[in-house]
Amino acid sequence: MSLLIAPSILAADLGRLADEIARAEAGGCDVFHVDVMDGHFVPNLSFGPAVVDTVRRLTRLPLDVHLMLDNPRDFIAPFCDAGSTFLTVHVEVIPPNELPAVFDDIRSRGVRPGLTLNPETPVDTVLPFLAEVDLLLVMSVHPGFGGQVFIEDTYGRLTAVEDHAAAVNPGLVISVDGGVGPENARDLVRAGANQLVAGTTVFRDHGAGENVRLLRAAAEAD
């Protein structure tokens, strides 16, 4: 599938959100990524359904909503109703035997289910579910804050996901989030990623349009 660039609005200037989104779109981004943090599963607070609803009204592009919550099942309906295109839950907080029902709940609401894992979680934990989701998010930093240093063993984790997905779900969106920039974009795509989530890289200096173009050019370089 074609490479997707997904700016993370966590790093946007929220006082100028409409302008930030418009600049990113002008640069040719494909998706907007929305990080939802509860202050428990991760040590930070961020956005609720109202912000997703606001972003939905500011763009027609897909919204990739990442639930970093202790109790994501309690929030499936509000975030689906707010306009999510993808809704991603963490494998660490839902028992494996209950994940299929969660994916079914999300899909029944017209939203595409996703699954993610933290850097310390073995990648084998998510492989059995790749046929049941539309997106697999590989965290390449410890979730909770932007601007962290990229974790190098992410490359091998992406390759493991891609190898398995090729057999069971070749259309899977394989997303990577954390420390993504022009310096590693090409290697991430070669390792198996087809969606790059980038916050600070895209929104720094209110230059989202040019930064999206630079990130794509680096990712697609020969």
Protein backbone atom coordinates (compact mmCIF):
# COMPACT_ATOMS: atom_id res chain seq x y z
CA MET A 1 0.00 0.00 0.00
CA SER A 2 1.05 3.61 -0.44
CA LEU A 3 2.90 5.33 2.37
CA LEU A 4 0.68 7.28 4.78
CA ILE A 5 1.91 10.33 6.69
CA ALA A 6 -0.05 10.89 9.92
CA PRO A 7 0.67 14.14 11.79
CA SER A 8 0.01 13.82 15.52
CA ILE A 9 -1.99 16.77 16.78
CA LEU A 10 -0.51 16.34 20.26
CA ALA A 11 2.38 18.46 18.97
CA ALA A 12 0.23 21.05 17.17
CA ASP A 13 -0.40 24.56 18.43
CA LEU A 14 -3.93 24.00 19.71
CA GLY A 15 -4.58 27.73 19.72
CA ARG A 16 -4.13 27.62 15.94
CA LEU A 17 -5.44 24.13 15.33
CA ALA A 18 -7.42 24.94 12.19
CA ASP A 19 -4.35 26.58 10.64
CA GLU A 20 -2.07 23.73 11.71
CA ILE A 21 -4.38 21.14 10.15
CA ALA A 22 -4.73 23.17 6.96
CA ARG A 23 -0.94 23.49 6.61
CA ALA A 24 -0.43 19.76 7.12
CA GLU A 25 -3.10 19.01 4.52
CA ALA A 26 -1.47 21.42 2.08
CA GLY A 27 1.75 19.45 2.51
CA GLY A 28 -0.03 16.27 1.45
CA CYS A 29 -0.57 14.38 4.71
CA ASP A 30 -2.96 11.42 4.61
CA VAL A 31 -4.31 10.94 8.14
CA PHE A 32 -4.42 12.82 11.44
CA HIS A 33 -3.35 10.96 14.57
CA VAL A 34 -5.02 11.81 17.89
CA ASP A 35 -3.45 10.64 21.15
CA VAL A 36 -5.90 10.08 24.01
CA MET A 37 -4.18 9.78 27.42
CA ASP A 38 -5.81 9.25 30.81
CA GLY A 39 -3.03 10.04 33.32
CA HIS A 40 -3.11 6.42 34.54
CA PHE A 41 -2.06 4.10 31.73
CA VAL A 42 0.42 6.80 30.75
CA PRO A 43 1.68 9.66 32.95
CA ASN A 44 -0.02 12.44 31.03
CA LEU A 45 -3.47 13.77 30.13
CA SER A 46 -4.56 14.81 26.68
CA PHE A 47 -7.72 14.79 24.60
CA GLY A 48 -11.29 13.63 25.01
CA PRO A 49 -14.07 12.98 22.49
CA ALA A 50 -14.78 16.72 22.15
CA VAL A 51 -11.35 17.30 20.63
CA VAL A 52 -11.82 14.42 18.20
CA ASP A 53 -15.15 15.98 17.23
CA THR A 54 -13.41 19.32 16.66
CA VAL A 55 -10.71 17.77 14.49
CA ARG A 56 -13.39 15.85 12.58
CA ARG A 57 -15.06 19.15 11.70
CA LEU A 58 -11.75 20.68 10.58
CA THR A 59 -10.73 17.96 8.11
CA ARG A 60 -12.16 15.31 5.83
CA LEU A 61 -9.05 13.14 6.19
CA PRO A 62 -9.20 9.93 8.26
CA LEU A 63 -8.71 10.23 12.03
CA ASP A 64 -6.49 7.62 13.68
CA VAL A 65 -7.44 7.77 17.37
CA HIS A 66 -5.07 6.04 19.79
CA LEU A 67 -6.59 5.21 23.19
CA MET A 68 -3.90 5.15 25.90
CA LEU A 69 -6.41 4.31 28.61
CA ASP A 70 -6.74 1.83 31.45
CA ASN A 71 -10.40 1.23 30.53
CA PRO A 72 -10.73 1.72 26.76
CA ARG A 73 -13.91 -0.31 26.52
CA ASP A 74 -15.76 2.40 28.46
CA PHE A 75 -14.89 4.94 25.77
CA ILE A 76 -15.43 3.05 22.52
CA ALA A 77 -18.86 4.54 21.89
CA PRO A 78 -17.94 8.20 22.64
CA PHE A 79 -14.84 8.15 20.46
CA CYS A 80 -16.58 6.34 17.63
CA ASP A 81 -19.45 8.80 17.77
CA ALA A 82 -16.98 11.72 17.76
CA GLY A 83 -15.75 10.82 14.29
CA SER A 84 -12.89 8.33 14.58
CA THR A 85 -11.94 6.47 11.42
CA PHE A 86 -9.58 4.09 13.22
CA LEU A 87 -9.81 3.39 16.97
CA THR A 88 -6.77 1.72 18.48
CA VAL A 89 -6.57 0.00 21.86
CA HIS A 90 -3.58 -1.31 23.81
CA VAL A 91 -2.96 -5.03 24.09
CA GLU A 92 -1.61 -4.51 27.63
CA VAL A 93 -5.00 -3.59 29.15
CA ILE A 94 -7.41 -6.08 27.59
CA PRO A 95 -7.24 -9.87 28.19
CA PRO A 96 -6.48 -11.74 24.95
CA ASN A 97 -9.74 -13.69 25.02
CA GLU A 98 -11.70 -10.42 25.19
CA LEU A 99 -9.96 -8.60 22.33
CA PRO A 100 -12.13 -10.07 19.51
CA ALA A 101 -15.27 -8.72 21.17
CA VAL A 102 -13.65 -5.29 21.48
CA PHE A 103 -12.76 -5.30 17.78
CA ASP A 104 -16.30 -6.39 16.90
CA ASP A 105 -17.75 -3.57 19.02
CA ILE A 106 -15.61 -0.98 17.26
CA ARG A 107 -16.36 -2.36 13.80
CA SER A 108 -20.11 -2.54 14.51
CA ARG A 109 -20.04 1.25 14.96
CA GLY A 110 -18.60 1.83 11.50
CA VAL A 111 -15.05 2.39 12.75
CA ARG A 112 -11.95 0.39 11.87
CA PRO A 113 -10.31 -1.37 14.86
CA GLY A 114 -6.62 -1.09 15.66
CA LEU A 115 -4.26 -2.66 18.17
CA THR A 116 -1.04 -1.34 19.65
CA LEU A 117 1.74 -2.38 22.00
CA ASN A 118 4.32 -0.63 24.13
CA PRO A 119 8.06 -1.03 23.45
CA GLU A 120 8.57 -3.50 26.30
CA THR A 121 5.68 -5.76 25.23
CA PRO A 122 6.76 -8.78 23.13
CA VAL A 123 5.63 -8.41 19.53
CA ASP A 124 4.38 -12.03 19.62
CA THR A 125 1.56 -10.76 21.86
CA VAL A 126 -0.17 -9.01 18.94
CA LEU A 127 0.61 -11.34 16.04
CA PRO A 128 -2.40 -13.66 16.66
CA PHE A 129 -4.75 -10.69 16.15
CA LEU A 130 -3.41 -9.19 12.92
CA ALA A 131 -6.17 -10.76 10.84
CA GLU A 132 -8.83 -9.14 13.05
CA VAL A 133 -7.68 -5.51 12.92
CA ASP A 134 -7.18 -2.87 10.24
CA LEU A 135 -4.22 -1.15 11.91
CA LEU A 136 -1.31 -2.28 14.06
CA LEU A 137 0.56 0.51 15.83
CA VAL A 138 4.14 -0.17 16.94
CA MET A 139 5.21 2.30 19.62
CA SER A 140 8.82 3.32 19.12
CA VAL A 141 8.96 5.37 22.34
CA HIS A 142 7.33 4.91 25.74
CA PRO A 143 3.91 6.51 25.31
CA GLY A 144 2.88 9.61 27.19
CA PHE A 145 5.03 12.47 25.93
CA GLY A 146 6.21 13.82 22.60
CA GLY A 147 9.79 14.50 21.58
CA GLN A 148 11.31 11.25 22.93
CA VAL A 149 14.32 9.42 21.49
CA PHE A 150 13.52 6.64 19.03
CA ILE A 151 14.04 3.05 20.30
CA GLU A 152 16.29 1.22 17.84
CA ASP A 153 14.88 -2.30 18.18
CA THR A 154 11.65 -1.00 16.62
CA TYR A 155 12.99 -1.98 13.19
CA GLY A 156 12.99 -5.67 14.04
CA ARG A 157 9.54 -5.44 15.56
CA LEU A 158 8.15 -3.85 12.41
CA THR A 159 9.68 -6.58 10.26
CA ALA A 160 8.11 -9.27 12.43
CA VAL A 161 4.70 -7.63 12.04
CA GLU A 162 5.08 -7.20 8.29
CA ASP A 163 6.18 -10.80 7.80
CA HIS A 164 3.15 -12.12 9.66
CA ALA A 165 0.70 -9.65 8.10
CA ALA A 166 1.82 -10.62 4.60
CA ALA A 167 0.29 -14.05 5.19
CA VAL A 168 -2.86 -13.16 7.14
CA ASN A 169 -3.76 -9.53 6.36
CA PRO A 170 -1.74 -7.99 3.52
CA GLY A 171 -3.80 -4.78 3.62
CA LEU A 172 -2.92 -4.07 7.26
CA VAL A 173 -1.87 -0.52 8.11
CA ILE A 174 1.44 -0.95 9.95
CA SER A 175 1.96 2.29 11.82
CA VAL A 176 4.93 3.48 13.87
CA ASP A 177 4.80 6.28 16.42
CA GLY A 178 7.58 7.97 18.36
CA GLY A 179 10.81 9.67 17.35
CA VAL A 180 9.92 9.50 13.65
CA GLY A 181 11.71 11.96 11.40
CA PRO A 182 13.52 12.34 8.08
CA GLU A 183 16.63 10.71 9.54
CA ASN A 184 14.92 7.33 10.10
CA ALA A 185 11.85 7.45 7.85
CA ARG A 186 13.37 5.48 4.99
CA ASP A 187 14.64 2.74 7.30
CA LEU A 188 11.24 2.48 9.00
CA VAL A 189 9.49 1.98 5.67
CA ARG A 190 12.07 -0.60 4.62
CA ALA A 191 11.51 -2.43 7.91
CA GLY A 192 7.78 -2.71 7.22
CA ALA A 193 5.99 0.48 8.25
CA ASN A 194 3.46 1.93 5.82
CA GLN A 195 2.21 4.71 8.11
CA LEU A 196 4.49 7.19 9.86
CA VAL A 197 3.08 9.08 12.83
CA ALA A 198 5.00 12.27 13.53
CA GLY A 199 4.21 15.12 15.88
CA THR A 200 7.17 17.34 16.67
CA THR A 201 8.71 16.61 13.27
CA VAL A 202 5.62 17.88 11.45
CA PHE A 203 4.43 20.77 13.59
CA ARG A 204 7.71 22.39 14.62
CA ASP A 205 7.95 26.10 13.79
CA HIS A 206 4.40 26.09 12.36
CA GLY A 207 5.90 24.57 9.21
CA ALA A 208 3.64 21.54 8.87
CA GLY A 209 3.25 21.74 5.10
CA GLU A 210 6.94 21.75 4.27
CA ASN A 211 7.73 19.31 7.08
CA VAL A 212 5.23 16.77 5.72
CA ARG A 213 6.81 17.07 2.29
CA LEU A 214 10.32 16.61 3.71
CA LEU A 215 9.26 13.56 5.73
CA ARG A 216 7.64 11.91 2.72
CA ALA A 217 10.62 12.66 0.47
CA ALA A 218 12.98 11.11 3.02
CA ALA A 219 10.77 8.03 3.47
CA GLU A 220 10.45 7.44 -0.26
CA ALA A 221 14.08 8.15 -1.20
CA ASP A 222 15.80 5.48 -3.31
